[in-house]
Amino acid sequence: MTRTQITVFVLVAIVALVLGLTVNKVLNSKGQNDPTALLDAGIVLLPQSRTLPELSLIDQDGQTVAVDQLKEQWSLLFFGYTFCPDICPATLAQLRQLQGQLPEQTRAKLRVVLVSVDPNRDTPEQLKKYLAYFDAGFIGLTGEEATLQKFANALSIPYIPADTSKENYTVDHSGNLVIIGPDGTQRGFIRAPLNNAKLAAQLPGLINPLD
């Protein structure tokens, strides 16, 4: 082997080593947050976190809650309503099941919030009674129609207000979830339909990122 060939061989080996170390570092730093795996689980992260609008709603205990109070924990917001015939009860049941599949460390940092799209019927008392069927720890929020619409639009989860003059009316709304980070900003979405097995595998890496 000539000196030139030896030099080329050494350089190739060094480049391969550097690339290998770099790839290993990237993979280890991401942990379970591999973008492809996140998307496969239905988790879509925003390129830049989004600030929530300054507004207040009413929780299931009748207390005023400023939107910017959604901090300290991660939150999954679902825009639905208690008289929903199918999507809402199915989604809340899945979220209850999902919590049971998550490690305690992850579960302790995650809250589930139902934001009503039917303020005409979803009083705080109705929300509290309804959510108790799924999980006592779930939070319910309601408020004035205009406030709820502003909140939903700001999070890119618009819905169509119902004609409340009709008996047993329904409300058209999205089944997607909104991801709110512990800093109180929107981090992304979880697309419907939910896949609990994949979400249980990916959420711990998002909520408890590796150093």
Protein backbone atom coordinates (compact mmCIF):
# COMPACT_ATOMS: atom_id res chain seq x y z
CA MET A 1 0.00 0.00 0.00
CA THR A 2 1.45 3.35 -1.02
CA ARG A 3 1.80 6.33 1.28
CA THR A 4 -1.03 8.07 -0.57
CA GLN A 5 -3.31 5.06 -0.15
CA ILE A 6 -2.45 4.86 3.55
CA THR A 7 -3.23 8.56 3.97
CA VAL A 8 -6.58 8.20 2.18
CA PHE A 9 -7.42 5.13 4.25
CA VAL A 10 -6.65 6.97 7.51
CA LEU A 11 -8.70 9.99 6.46
CA VAL A 12 -11.69 7.80 5.53
CA ALA A 13 -11.44 6.01 8.87
CA ILE A 14 -11.33 9.33 10.76
CA VAL A 15 -14.34 10.69 8.83
CA ALA A 16 -16.29 7.48 9.49
CA LEU A 17 -15.46 7.68 13.19
CA VAL A 18 -16.52 11.32 13.44
CA LEU A 19 -19.78 10.66 11.58
CA GLY A 20 -20.49 7.66 13.78
CA LEU A 21 -19.94 9.64 16.96
CA THR A 22 -22.06 12.51 15.66
CA VAL A 23 -24.98 10.26 14.69
CA ASN A 24 -24.77 8.46 18.02
CA LYS A 25 -24.82 11.77 19.89
CA VAL A 26 -27.82 13.03 17.93
CA LEU A 27 -29.78 9.84 18.46
CA ASN A 28 -29.00 9.73 22.14
CA SER A 29 -29.87 13.40 22.62
CA LYS A 30 -33.24 12.89 21.03
CA GLY A 31 -34.10 9.81 23.00
CA GLN A 32 -37.66 8.98 22.06
CA ASN A 33 -38.11 12.32 20.30
CA ASP A 34 -37.18 11.09 16.85
CA PRO A 35 -39.26 13.26 14.45
CA THR A 36 -40.33 10.30 12.34
CA ALA A 37 -41.52 8.36 15.38
CA LEU A 38 -43.37 11.39 16.72
CA LEU A 39 -45.20 11.90 13.44
CA ASP A 40 -46.02 8.21 13.26
CA ALA A 41 -47.64 8.57 16.69
CA GLY A 42 -49.69 11.52 15.41
CA ILE A 43 -47.64 14.12 17.30
CA VAL A 44 -47.03 17.26 15.22
CA LEU A 45 -44.73 19.81 16.85
CA LEU A 46 -44.79 23.45 15.77
CA PRO A 47 -41.53 24.89 14.37
CA GLN A 48 -41.90 27.64 16.98
CA SER A 49 -44.01 27.61 20.13
CA ARG A 50 -47.15 29.76 20.01
CA THR A 51 -48.18 32.21 22.75
CA LEU A 52 -51.73 31.77 24.02
CA PRO A 53 -54.20 34.68 23.92
CA GLU A 54 -54.91 36.64 27.09
CA LEU A 55 -58.38 35.51 28.14
CA SER A 56 -60.15 33.79 31.02
CA LEU A 57 -62.52 30.82 31.22
CA ILE A 58 -64.48 29.08 33.98
CA ASP A 59 -63.49 25.65 35.27
CA GLN A 60 -65.70 22.81 36.49
CA ASP A 61 -65.60 24.22 40.02
CA GLY A 62 -66.88 27.60 38.89
CA GLN A 63 -63.48 29.26 39.33
CA THR A 64 -62.06 31.77 36.87
CA VAL A 65 -59.00 30.41 35.10
CA ALA A 66 -56.73 32.63 33.02
CA VAL A 67 -55.40 30.77 30.01
CA ASP A 68 -51.86 31.70 30.97
CA GLN A 69 -52.35 29.67 34.16
CA LEU A 70 -51.91 26.51 32.08
CA LYS A 71 -48.29 26.28 33.16
CA GLU A 72 -46.00 24.13 35.30
CA GLN A 73 -47.36 20.96 33.66
CA TRP A 74 -47.86 19.71 30.13
CA SER A 75 -51.49 19.89 29.02
CA LEU A 76 -53.51 18.06 26.40
CA LEU A 77 -56.50 20.20 25.40
CA PHE A 78 -59.49 18.60 23.73
CA PHE A 79 -62.25 20.84 22.35
CA GLY A 80 -65.51 18.96 22.75
CA TYR A 81 -68.75 18.92 24.71
CA THR A 82 -70.61 16.78 27.20
CA PHE A 83 -73.63 16.07 24.99
CA CYS A 84 -71.41 14.78 22.16
CA PRO A 85 -72.75 11.40 21.01
CA ASP A 86 -69.51 9.71 19.92
CA ILE A 87 -66.14 11.44 19.42
CA CYS A 88 -65.94 13.10 22.84
CA PRO A 89 -66.71 10.15 25.11
CA ALA A 90 -64.48 7.90 23.00
CA THR A 91 -61.60 10.39 23.13
CA LEU A 92 -61.88 10.98 26.87
CA ALA A 93 -62.01 7.23 27.48
CA GLN A 94 -58.85 6.84 25.39
CA LEU A 95 -57.11 9.60 27.32
CA ARG A 96 -58.00 7.91 30.60
CA GLN A 97 -56.57 4.67 29.24
CA LEU A 98 -53.48 6.48 27.94
CA GLN A 99 -52.72 7.89 31.37
CA GLY A 100 -52.71 4.37 32.74
CA GLN A 101 -50.13 3.36 30.12
CA LEU A 102 -47.71 6.17 30.96
CA PRO A 103 -44.92 5.98 33.56
CA GLU A 104 -45.76 7.71 36.84
CA GLN A 105 -43.07 10.35 36.20
CA THR A 106 -44.76 11.30 32.92
CA ARG A 107 -48.32 11.05 34.23
CA ALA A 108 -47.52 13.43 37.10
CA LYS A 109 -46.48 16.12 34.62
CA LEU A 110 -49.50 15.81 32.32
CA ARG A 111 -53.04 17.18 32.66
CA VAL A 112 -56.06 16.59 30.44
CA VAL A 113 -58.38 19.52 29.75
CA LEU A 114 -61.79 19.45 28.05
CA VAL A 115 -62.61 22.87 26.59
CA SER A 116 -66.33 23.09 25.86
CA VAL A 117 -67.61 24.07 22.42
CA ASP A 118 -71.17 24.05 23.81
CA PRO A 119 -71.33 26.76 26.50
CA ASN A 120 -75.12 26.83 26.20
CA ARG A 121 -75.40 23.44 27.95
CA ASP A 122 -71.96 22.91 29.46
CA THR A 123 -72.25 24.66 32.80
CA PRO A 124 -69.47 24.10 35.34
CA GLU A 125 -71.75 21.67 37.17
CA GLN A 126 -72.42 19.70 33.98
CA LEU A 127 -68.72 19.54 33.15
CA LYS A 128 -67.82 18.32 36.64
CA LYS A 129 -70.47 15.60 36.59
CA TYR A 130 -69.50 14.47 33.09
CA LEU A 131 -65.75 14.39 33.64
CA ALA A 132 -66.17 12.37 36.84
CA TYR A 133 -67.25 9.44 34.67
CA PHE A 134 -63.80 9.41 33.06
CA ASP A 135 -61.24 10.72 35.54
CA ALA A 136 -61.62 12.95 38.59
CA GLY A 137 -58.37 14.65 37.64
CA PHE A 138 -59.60 15.84 34.23
CA ILE A 139 -60.21 19.59 34.01
CA GLY A 140 -63.19 21.18 32.28
CA LEU A 141 -63.30 24.75 30.93
CA THR A 142 -66.23 26.74 29.60
CA GLY A 143 -67.09 30.40 29.09
CA GLU A 144 -68.73 32.87 26.76
CA GLU A 145 -69.13 31.74 23.16
CA ALA A 146 -66.99 34.58 21.81
CA THR A 147 -64.18 33.78 24.27
CA LEU A 148 -64.21 30.08 23.44
CA GLN A 149 -64.17 30.84 19.72
CA LYS A 150 -61.20 33.18 20.14
CA PHE A 151 -59.32 30.55 22.12
CA ALA A 152 -60.06 27.76 19.63
CA ASN A 153 -59.10 29.88 16.63
CA ALA A 154 -55.82 30.95 18.28
CA LEU A 155 -54.91 27.28 18.66
CA SER A 156 -55.99 26.40 15.09
CA ILE A 157 -58.80 24.17 16.37
CA PRO A 158 -61.84 26.03 14.99
CA TYR A 159 -65.36 24.70 15.46
CA ILE A 160 -68.78 25.62 14.12
CA PRO A 161 -71.14 27.02 16.77
CA ALA A 162 -74.40 25.11 16.85
CA ASP A 163 -77.91 26.34 16.21
CA THR A 164 -79.05 26.15 19.82
CA SER A 165 -82.70 26.69 18.83
CA LYS A 166 -82.82 23.10 17.58
CA GLU A 167 -83.57 20.30 20.02
CA ASN A 168 -80.74 17.83 20.67
CA TYR A 169 -78.36 19.84 18.50
CA THR A 170 -74.79 18.72 17.84
CA VAL A 171 -71.61 20.76 17.42
CA ASP A 172 -69.10 20.19 14.63
CA HIS A 173 -65.58 20.19 16.05
CA SER A 174 -62.12 18.70 15.58
CA GLY A 175 -60.92 15.52 17.27
CA ASN A 176 -57.32 16.76 17.44
CA LEU A 177 -55.63 17.54 20.74
CA VAL A 178 -53.59 20.66 21.49
CA ILE A 179 -50.24 20.24 23.26
CA ILE A 180 -49.44 23.00 25.77
CA GLY A 181 -45.96 23.05 27.30
CA PRO A 182 -45.10 23.82 30.95
CA ASP A 183 -44.18 27.36 29.88
CA GLY A 184 -47.81 27.94 28.85
CA THR A 185 -47.21 28.01 25.10
CA GLN A 186 -48.68 25.80 22.41
CA ARG A 187 -46.12 23.23 21.31
CA GLY A 188 -48.15 21.33 18.73
CA PHE A 189 -51.00 18.91 18.10
CA ILE A 190 -51.90 15.26 18.38
CA ARG A 191 -53.86 14.18 15.35
CA ALA A 192 -57.04 12.14 15.62
CA PRO A 193 -57.70 9.25 15.78
CA LEU A 194 -55.47 8.62 18.78
CA ASN A 195 -53.12 5.66 18.83
CA ASN A 196 -52.53 4.98 22.51
CA ALA A 197 -49.77 2.41 22.02
CA LYS A 198 -47.66 4.80 19.96
CA LEU A 199 -48.47 7.80 22.14
CA ALA A 200 -47.48 5.89 25.28
CA ALA A 201 -44.13 5.16 23.64
CA GLN A 202 -43.46 8.75 22.54
CA LEU A 203 -44.93 11.06 25.18
CA PRO A 204 -42.42 10.16 27.93
CA GLY A 205 -39.55 11.29 25.67
CA LEU A 206 -41.36 14.56 24.93
CA ILE A 207 -42.42 15.33 28.49
CA ASN A 208 -39.27 13.99 30.17
CA PRO A 209 -36.54 14.72 27.59
CA LEU A 210 -33.15 13.16 28.11
CA ASP A 211 -30.29 15.49 29.05
